[in-house]
Amino acid sequence: MKQGPNLHQLQRAFADNFAAQCGYCTPGMLMAAKALLDRNPSPSRVDVIEAISGNICRCTGYEPIINAILAAAGGRASA
């Protein structure tokens, strides 16, 4: 996802929203989020929850992950 020295907006949003803790689920969450945003650039909270439902996270309680995806979607105007 990263291009050169610049992180992808989802990666930045995960860092900014503390959505990655141990890192175990992060790759799957990022790929699920990217697939969602590629299909639906303005997802609802329910869309995000459904999109990541196949991934298990035992650290964050999902809220930071959901918030990060929604934040990245809000910043897609420049992408």
PDB file of N, CA and C in Angstrom:
ATOM      1  N   MET A   1       0.817  -1.188   0.000  1.00  0.00           N
ATOM      2  CA  MET A   1       0.000   0.000   0.000  1.00  0.00           C
ATOM      3  C   MET A   1       0.867   1.261   0.000  1.00  0.00           C
ATOM      4  N   LYS A   2       1.961   1.203   0.714  1.00  0.00           N
ATOM      5  CA  LYS A   2       2.849   2.355   0.806  1.00  0.00           C
ATOM      6  C   LYS A   2       3.498   2.613  -0.553  1.00  0.00           C
ATOM      7  N   GLN A   3       3.646   3.888  -0.893  1.00  0.00           N
ATOM      8  CA  GLN A   3       4.321   4.248  -2.129  1.00  0.00           C
ATOM      9  C   GLN A   3       5.523   5.115  -1.786  1.00  0.00           C
ATOM     10  N   GLY A   4       6.724   4.547  -1.956  1.00  0.00           N
ATOM     11  CA  GLY A   4       7.920   5.284  -1.587  1.00  0.00           C
ATOM     12  C   GLY A   4       7.920   5.565  -0.096  1.00  0.00           C
ATOM     13  N   PRO A   5       8.292   6.779   0.289  1.00  0.00           N
ATOM     14  CA  PRO A   5       8.340   7.101   1.726  1.00  0.00           C
ATOM     15  C   PRO A   5       6.977   7.465   2.311  1.00  0.00           C
ATOM     16  N   ASN A   6       5.957   7.560   1.466  1.00  0.00           N
ATOM     17  CA  ASN A   6       4.641   8.015   1.924  1.00  0.00           C
ATOM     18  C   ASN A   6       3.728   6.846   2.261  1.00  0.00           C
ATOM     19  N   LEU A   7       3.177   6.872   3.476  1.00  0.00           N
ATOM     20  CA  LEU A   7       2.205   5.853   3.858  1.00  0.00           C
ATOM     21  C   LEU A   7       0.896   6.087   3.121  1.00  0.00           C
ATOM     22  N   HIS A   8       0.194   5.014   2.865  1.00  0.00           N
ATOM     23  CA  HIS A   8      -1.154   5.096   2.312  1.00  0.00           C
ATOM     24  C   HIS A   8      -2.045   5.755   3.368  1.00  0.00           C
ATOM     25  N   GLN A   9      -3.090   6.420   2.950  1.00  0.00           N
ATOM     26  CA  GLN A   9      -3.965   7.121   3.900  1.00  0.00           C
ATOM     27  C   GLN A   9      -4.560   6.185   4.944  1.00  0.00           C
ATOM     28  N   LEU A  10      -4.814   4.931   4.587  1.00  0.00           N
ATOM     29  CA  LEU A  10      -5.312   3.979   5.588  1.00  0.00           C
ATOM     30  C   LEU A  10      -4.244   3.694   6.640  1.00  0.00           C
ATOM     31  N   GLN A  11      -3.010   3.538   6.212  1.00  0.00           N
ATOM     32  CA  GLN A  11      -1.927   3.312   7.159  1.00  0.00           C
ATOM     33  C   GLN A  11      -1.769   4.506   8.102  1.00  0.00           C
ATOM     34  N   ARG A  12      -1.840   5.704   7.550  1.00  0.00           N
ATOM     35  CA  ARG A  12      -1.752   6.918   8.387  1.00  0.00           C
ATOM     36  C   ARG A  12      -2.919   6.975   9.365  1.00  0.00           C
ATOM     37  N   ALA A  13      -4.125   6.668   8.876  1.00  0.00           N
ATOM     38  CA  ALA A  13      -5.305   6.713   9.738  1.00  0.00           C
ATOM     39  C   ALA A  13      -5.201   5.670  10.854  1.00  0.00           C
ATOM     40  N   PHE A  14      -4.675   4.489  10.553  1.00  0.00           N
ATOM     41  CA  PHE A  14      -4.499   3.482  11.601  1.00  0.00           C
ATOM     42  C   PHE A  14      -3.528   3.990  12.656  1.00  0.00           C
ATOM     43  N   ALA A  15      -2.442   4.605  12.240  1.00  0.00           N
ATOM     44  CA  ALA A  15      -1.479   5.147  13.206  1.00  0.00           C
ATOM     45  C   ALA A  15      -2.092   6.303  13.996  1.00  0.00           C
ATOM     46  N   ASP A  16      -2.743   7.215  13.320  1.00  0.00           N
ATOM     47  CA  ASP A  16      -3.326   8.396  13.978  1.00  0.00           C
ATOM     48  C   ASP A  16      -4.433   8.043  14.957  1.00  0.00           C
ATOM     49  N   ASN A  17      -5.149   6.947  14.695  1.00  0.00           N
ATOM     50  CA  ASN A  17      -6.284   6.554  15.527  1.00  0.00           C
ATOM     51  C   ASN A  17      -5.967   5.391  16.468  1.00  0.00           C
ATOM     52  N   PHE A  18      -4.675   5.056  16.594  1.00  0.00           N
ATOM     53  CA  PHE A  18      -4.241   3.982  17.498  1.00  0.00           C
ATOM     54  C   PHE A  18      -4.950   2.661  17.204  1.00  0.00           C
ATOM     55  N   ALA A  19      -5.111   2.372  15.913  1.00  0.00           N
ATOM     56  CA  ALA A  19      -5.842   1.182  15.489  1.00  0.00           C
ATOM     57  C   ALA A  19      -4.962  -0.062  15.405  1.00  0.00           C
ATOM     58  N   ALA A  20      -3.669   0.082  15.565  1.00  0.00           N
ATOM     59  CA  ALA A  20      -2.771  -1.071  15.537  1.00  0.00           C
ATOM     60  C   ALA A  20      -2.054  -1.161  16.875  1.00  0.00           C
ATOM     61  N   GLN A  21      -2.222  -2.277  17.537  1.00  0.00           N
ATOM     62  CA  GLN A  21      -1.520  -2.458  18.804  1.00  0.00           C
ATOM     63  C   GLN A  21      -0.490  -3.563  18.654  1.00  0.00           C
ATOM     64  N   CYS A  22      -0.878  -4.820  18.742  1.00  0.00           N
ATOM     65  CA  CYS A  22       0.122  -5.889  18.646  1.00  0.00           C
ATOM     66  C   CYS A  22       0.565  -6.110  17.203  1.00  0.00           C
ATOM     67  N   GLY A  23      -0.275  -5.738  16.238  1.00  0.00           N
ATOM     68  CA  GLY A  23       0.070  -5.876  14.827  1.00  0.00           C
ATOM     69  C   GLY A  23      -0.389  -7.162  14.175  1.00  0.00           C
ATOM     70  N   TYR A  24      -0.911  -8.098  14.943  1.00  0.00           N
ATOM     71  CA  TYR A  24      -1.304  -9.385  14.388  1.00  0.00           C
ATOM     72  C   TYR A  24      -2.422  -9.262  13.362  1.00  0.00           C
ATOM     73  N   CYS A  25      -3.443  -8.479  13.662  1.00  0.00           N
ATOM     74  CA  CYS A  25      -4.590  -8.372  12.751  1.00  0.00           C
ATOM     75  C   CYS A  25      -4.436  -7.237  11.735  1.00  0.00           C
ATOM     76  N   THR A  26      -3.450  -6.386  11.924  1.00  0.00           N
ATOM     77  CA  THR A  26      -3.337  -5.165  11.124  1.00  0.00           C
ATOM     78  C   THR A  26      -3.308  -5.418   9.610  1.00  0.00           C
ATOM     79  N   PRO A  27      -2.495  -6.348   9.097  1.00  0.00           N
ATOM     80  CA  PRO A  27      -2.492  -6.550   7.638  1.00  0.00           C
ATOM     81  C   PRO A  27      -3.868  -6.920   7.084  1.00  0.00           C
ATOM     82  N   GLY A  28      -4.567  -7.825   7.756  1.00  0.00           N
ATOM     83  CA  GLY A  28      -5.899  -8.229   7.293  1.00  0.00           C
ATOM     84  C   GLY A  28      -6.906  -7.102   7.389  1.00  0.00           C
ATOM     85  N   MET A  29      -6.819  -6.330   8.468  1.00  0.00           N
ATOM     86  CA  MET A  29      -7.729  -5.191   8.623  1.00  0.00           C
ATOM     87  C   MET A  29      -7.477  -4.154   7.533  1.00  0.00           C
ATOM     88  N   LEU A  30      -6.211  -3.877   7.253  1.00  0.00           N
ATOM     89  CA  LEU A  30      -5.876  -2.896   6.215  1.00  0.00           C
ATOM     90  C   LEU A  30      -6.364  -3.366   4.836  1.00  0.00           C
ATOM     91  N   MET A  31      -6.176  -4.641   4.524  1.00  0.00           N
ATOM     92  CA  MET A  31      -6.601  -5.146   3.218  1.00  0.00           C
ATOM     93  C   MET A  31      -8.118  -5.142   3.100  1.00  0.00           C
ATOM     94  N   ALA A  32      -8.810  -5.529   4.181  1.00  0.00           N
ATOM     95  CA  ALA A  32     -10.275  -5.499   4.160  1.00  0.00           C
ATOM     96  C   ALA A  32     -10.770  -4.064   4.012  1.00  0.00           C
ATOM     97  N   ALA A  33     -10.122  -3.137   4.706  1.00  0.00           N
ATOM     98  CA  ALA A  33     -10.513  -1.726   4.626  1.00  0.00           C
ATOM     99  C   ALA A  33     -10.260  -1.167   3.228  1.00  0.00           C
ATOM    100  N   LYS A  34      -9.121  -1.520   2.655  1.00  0.00           N
ATOM    101  CA  LYS A  34      -8.814  -1.026   1.305  1.00  0.00           C
ATOM    102  C   LYS A  34      -9.821  -1.569   0.295  1.00  0.00           C
ATOM    103  N   ALA A  35     -10.145  -2.842   0.402  1.00  0.00           N
ATOM    104  CA  ALA A  35     -11.142  -3.437  -0.509  1.00  0.00           C
ATOM    105  C   ALA A  35     -12.483  -2.725  -0.353  1.00  0.00           C
ATOM    106  N   LEU A  36     -12.867  -2.447   0.884  1.00  0.00           N
ATOM    107  CA  LEU A  36     -14.121  -1.733   1.126  1.00  0.00           C
ATOM    108  C   LEU A  36     -14.091  -0.351   0.486  1.00  0.00           C
ATOM    109  N   LEU A  37     -13.034   0.414   0.743  1.00  0.00           N
ATOM    110  CA  LEU A  37     -12.975   1.786   0.225  1.00  0.00           C
ATOM    111  C   LEU A  37     -12.827   1.825  -1.292  1.00  0.00           C
ATOM    112  N   ASP A  38     -12.234   0.793  -1.867  1.00  0.00           N
ATOM    113  CA  ASP A  38     -12.178   0.707  -3.333  1.00  0.00           C
ATOM    114  C   ASP A  38     -13.578   0.501  -3.910  1.00  0.00           C
ATOM    115  N   ARG A  39     -14.413  -0.275  -3.212  1.00  0.00           N
ATOM    116  CA  ARG A  39     -15.795  -0.533  -3.645  1.00  0.00           C
ATOM    117  C   ARG A  39     -16.738   0.598  -3.280  1.00  0.00           C
ATOM    118  N   ASN A  40     -16.524   1.161  -2.094  1.00  0.00           N
ATOM    119  CA  ASN A  40     -17.452   2.142  -1.535  1.00  0.00           C
ATOM    120  C   ASN A  40     -16.651   3.248  -0.849  1.00  0.00           C
ATOM    121  N   PRO A  41     -16.366   4.332  -1.542  1.00  0.00           N
ATOM    122  CA  PRO A  41     -15.529   5.396  -0.985  1.00  0.00           C
ATOM    123  C   PRO A  41     -16.131   6.129   0.213  1.00  0.00           C
ATOM    124  N   SER A  42     -17.420   5.983   0.441  1.00  0.00           N
ATOM    125  CA  SER A  42     -18.088   6.662   1.562  1.00  0.00           C
ATOM    126  C   SER A  42     -18.909   5.662   2.374  1.00  0.00           C
ATOM    127  N   PRO A  43     -18.233   4.727   3.042  1.00  0.00           N
ATOM    128  CA  PRO A  43     -18.975   3.690   3.755  1.00  0.00           C
ATOM    129  C   PRO A  43     -19.613   4.214   5.034  1.00  0.00           C
ATOM    130  N   SER A  44     -20.684   3.568   5.419  1.00  0.00           N
ATOM    131  CA  SER A  44     -21.294   3.838   6.720  1.00  0.00           C
ATOM    132  C   SER A  44     -20.549   3.023   7.780  1.00  0.00           C
ATOM    133  N   ARG A  45     -20.834   3.304   9.018  1.00  0.00           N
ATOM    134  CA  ARG A  45     -20.253   2.532  10.113  1.00  0.00           C
ATOM    135  C   ARG A  45     -20.622   1.050   9.980  1.00  0.00           C
ATOM    136  N   VAL A  46     -21.859   0.775   9.604  1.00  0.00           N
ATOM    137  CA  VAL A  46     -22.309  -0.607   9.417  1.00  0.00           C
ATOM    138  C   VAL A  46     -21.525  -1.272   8.283  1.00  0.00           C
ATOM    139  N   ASP A  47     -21.272  -0.542   7.200  1.00  0.00           N
ATOM    140  CA  ASP A  47     -20.473  -1.082   6.090  1.00  0.00           C
ATOM    141  C   ASP A  47     -19.082  -1.477   6.570  1.00  0.00           C
ATOM    142  N   VAL A  48     -18.477  -0.626   7.385  1.00  0.00           N
ATOM    143  CA  VAL A  48     -17.130  -0.893   7.899  1.00  0.00           C
ATOM    144  C   VAL A  48     -17.149  -2.132   8.787  1.00  0.00           C
ATOM    145  N   ILE A  49     -18.100  -2.209   9.678  1.00  0.00           N
ATOM    146  CA  ILE A  49     -18.197  -3.361  10.581  1.00  0.00           C
ATOM    147  C   ILE A  49     -18.354  -4.648   9.784  1.00  0.00           C
ATOM    148  N   GLU A  50     -19.201  -4.612   8.778  1.00  0.00           N
ATOM    149  CA  GLU A  50     -19.401  -5.795   7.932  1.00  0.00           C
ATOM    150  C   GLU A  50     -18.120  -6.158   7.188  1.00  0.00           C
ATOM    151  N   ALA A  51     -17.413  -5.155   6.681  1.00  0.00           N
ATOM    152  CA  ALA A  51     -16.201  -5.393   5.890  1.00  0.00           C
ATOM    153  C   ALA A  51     -15.088  -6.040   6.715  1.00  0.00           C
ATOM    154  N   ILE A  52     -14.979  -5.692   7.981  1.00  0.00           N
ATOM    155  CA  ILE A  52     -13.899  -6.246   8.809  1.00  0.00           C
ATOM    156  C   ILE A  52     -14.351  -7.446   9.639  1.00  0.00           C
ATOM    157  N   SER A  53     -15.576  -7.880   9.456  1.00  0.00           N
ATOM    158  CA  SER A  53     -16.135  -8.938  10.301  1.00  0.00           C
ATOM    159  C   SER A  53     -15.395 -10.269  10.193  1.00  0.00           C
ATOM    160  N   GLY A  54     -14.649 -10.479   9.149  1.00  0.00           N
ATOM    161  CA  GLY A  54     -13.892 -11.722   9.009  1.00  0.00           C
ATOM    162  C   GLY A  54     -12.552 -11.703   9.707  1.00  0.00           C
ATOM    163  N   ASN A  55     -12.197 -10.594  10.333  1.00  0.00           N
ATOM    164  CA  ASN A  55     -10.912 -10.446  11.021  1.00  0.00           C
ATOM    165  C   ASN A  55     -11.132 -10.367  12.526  1.00  0.00           C
ATOM    166  N   ILE A  56     -10.257 -11.005  13.262  1.00  0.00           N
ATOM    167  CA  ILE A  56     -10.356 -10.996  14.722  1.00  0.00           C
ATOM    168  C   ILE A  56      -9.252 -10.132  15.299  1.00  0.00           C
ATOM    169  N   CYS A  57      -9.634  -9.232  16.192  1.00  0.00           N
ATOM    170  CA  CYS A  57      -8.683  -8.391  16.911  1.00  0.00           C
ATOM    171  C   CYS A  57      -8.950  -8.552  18.401  1.00  0.00           C
ATOM    172  N   ARG A  58      -7.932  -8.912  19.146  1.00  0.00           N
ATOM    173  CA  ARG A  58      -8.102  -9.103  20.577  1.00  0.00           C
ATOM    174  C   ARG A  58      -7.546  -7.930  21.378  1.00  0.00           C
ATOM    175  N   CYS A  59      -6.978  -6.938  20.710  1.00  0.00           N
ATOM    176  CA  CYS A  59      -6.327  -5.837  21.437  1.00  0.00           C
ATOM    177  C   CYS A  59      -7.156  -4.564  21.513  1.00  0.00           C
ATOM    178  N   THR A  60      -7.710  -4.109  20.385  1.00  0.00           N
ATOM    179  CA  THR A  60      -8.276  -2.760  20.326  1.00  0.00           C
ATOM    180  C   THR A  60      -9.747  -2.669  20.667  1.00  0.00           C
ATOM    181  N   GLY A  61     -10.470  -3.772  20.640  1.00  0.00           N
ATOM    182  CA  GLY A  61     -11.907  -3.693  20.832  1.00  0.00           C
ATOM    183  C   GLY A  61     -12.632  -3.157  19.609  1.00  0.00           C
ATOM    184  N   TYR A  62     -11.955  -3.070  18.481  1.00  0.00           N
ATOM    185  CA  TYR A  62     -12.502  -2.686  17.172  1.00  0.00           C
ATOM    186  C   TYR A  62     -12.818  -1.203  17.001  1.00  0.00           C
ATOM    187  N   GLU A  63     -13.140  -0.490  18.046  1.00  0.00           N
ATOM    188  CA  GLU A  63     -13.518   0.923  17.885  1.00  0.00           C
ATOM    189  C   GLU A  63     -12.424   1.750  17.206  1.00  0.00           C
ATOM    190  N   PRO A  64     -11.164   1.655  17.623  1.00  0.00           N
ATOM    191  CA  PRO A  64     -10.138   2.441  16.934  1.00  0.00           C
ATOM    192  C   PRO A  64      -9.990   2.047  15.457  1.00  0.00           C
ATOM    193  N   ILE A  65     -10.188   0.781  15.158  1.00  0.00           N
ATOM    194  CA  ILE A  65     -10.087   0.314  13.775  1.00  0.00           C
ATOM    195  C   ILE A  65     -11.226   0.900  12.939  1.00  0.00           C
ATOM    196  N   ILE A  66     -12.433   0.814  13.460  1.00  0.00           N
ATOM    197  CA  ILE A  66     -13.591   1.379  12.761  1.00  0.00           C
ATOM    198  C   ILE A  66     -13.405   2.877  12.560  1.00  0.00           C
ATOM    199  N   ASN A  67     -12.972   3.563  13.607  1.00  0.00           N
ATOM    200  CA  ASN A  67     -12.748   5.009  13.512  1.00  0.00           C
ATOM    201  C   ASN A  67     -11.671   5.356  12.497  1.00  0.00           C
ATOM    202  N   ALA A  68     -10.623   4.549  12.444  1.00  0.00           N
ATOM    203  CA  ALA A  68      -9.546   4.799  11.484  1.00  0.00           C
ATOM    204  C   ALA A  68     -10.036   4.643  10.049  1.00  0.00           C
ATOM    205  N   ILE A  69     -10.826   3.624   9.795  1.00  0.00           N
ATOM    206  CA  ILE A  69     -11.345   3.399   8.434  1.00  0.00           C
ATOM    207  C   ILE A  69     -12.280   4.536   8.030  1.00  0.00           C
ATOM    208  N   LEU A  70     -13.145   4.930   8.952  1.00  0.00           N
ATOM    209  CA  LEU A  70     -14.042   6.047   8.659  1.00  0.00           C
ATOM    210  C   LEU A  70     -13.263   7.349   8.455  1.00  0.00           C
ATOM    211  N   ALA A  71     -12.197   7.542   9.227  1.00  0.00           N
ATOM    212  CA  ALA A  71     -11.357   8.736   9.052  1.00  0.00           C
ATOM    213  C   ALA A  71     -10.667   8.711   7.682  1.00  0.00           C
ATOM    214  N   ALA A  72     -10.168   7.561   7.295  1.00  0.00           N
ATOM    215  CA  ALA A  72      -9.531   7.460   5.974  1.00  0.00           C
ATOM    216  C   ALA A  72     -10.538   7.725   4.869  1.00  0.00           C
ATOM    217  N   ALA A  73     -11.753   7.238   5.028  1.00  0.00           N
ATOM    218  CA  ALA A  73     -12.792   7.483   4.026  1.00  0.00           C
ATOM    219  C   ALA A  73     -13.105   8.963   3.925  1.00  0.00           C
ATOM    220  N   GLY A  74     -13.087   9.648   5.046  1.00  0.00           N
ATOM    221  CA  GLY A  74     -13.336  11.093   5.050  1.00  0.00           C
ATOM    222  C   GLY A  74     -12.251  11.889   4.353  1.00  0.00           C
ATOM    223  N   GLY A  75     -11.053  11.337   4.273  1.00  0.00           N
ATOM    224  CA  GLY A  75      -9.939  12.022   3.635  1.00  0.00           C
ATOM    225  C   GLY A  75      -9.666  11.586   2.218  1.00  0.00           C
ATOM    226  N   ARG A  76     -10.598  10.862   1.619  1.00  0.00           N
ATOM    227  CA  ARG A  76     -10.355  10.301   0.281  1.00  0.00           C
ATOM    228  C   ARG A  76     -10.500  11.316  -0.836  1.00  0.00           C
ATOM    229  N   ALA A  77     -10.916  12.496  -0.561  1.00  0.00           N
ATOM    230  CA  ALA A  77     -11.123  13.476  -1.633  1.00  0.00           C
ATOM    231  C   ALA A  77      -9.841  13.728  -2.411  1.00  0.00           C
ATOM    232  N   SER A  78      -8.677  13.628  -1.740  1.00  0.00           N
ATOM    233  CA  SER A  78      -7.408  13.888  -2.427  1.00  0.00           C
ATOM    234  C   SER A  78      -6.777  12.628  -2.983  1.00  0.00           C
ATOM    235  N   ALA A  79      -7.378  11.472  -2.743  1.00  0.00           N
ATOM    236  CA  ALA A  79      -6.770  10.215  -3.189  1.00  0.00           C
ATOM    237  C   ALA A  79      -7.161   9.863  -4.609  1.00  0.00           C
TER     238      ALA A  79
END
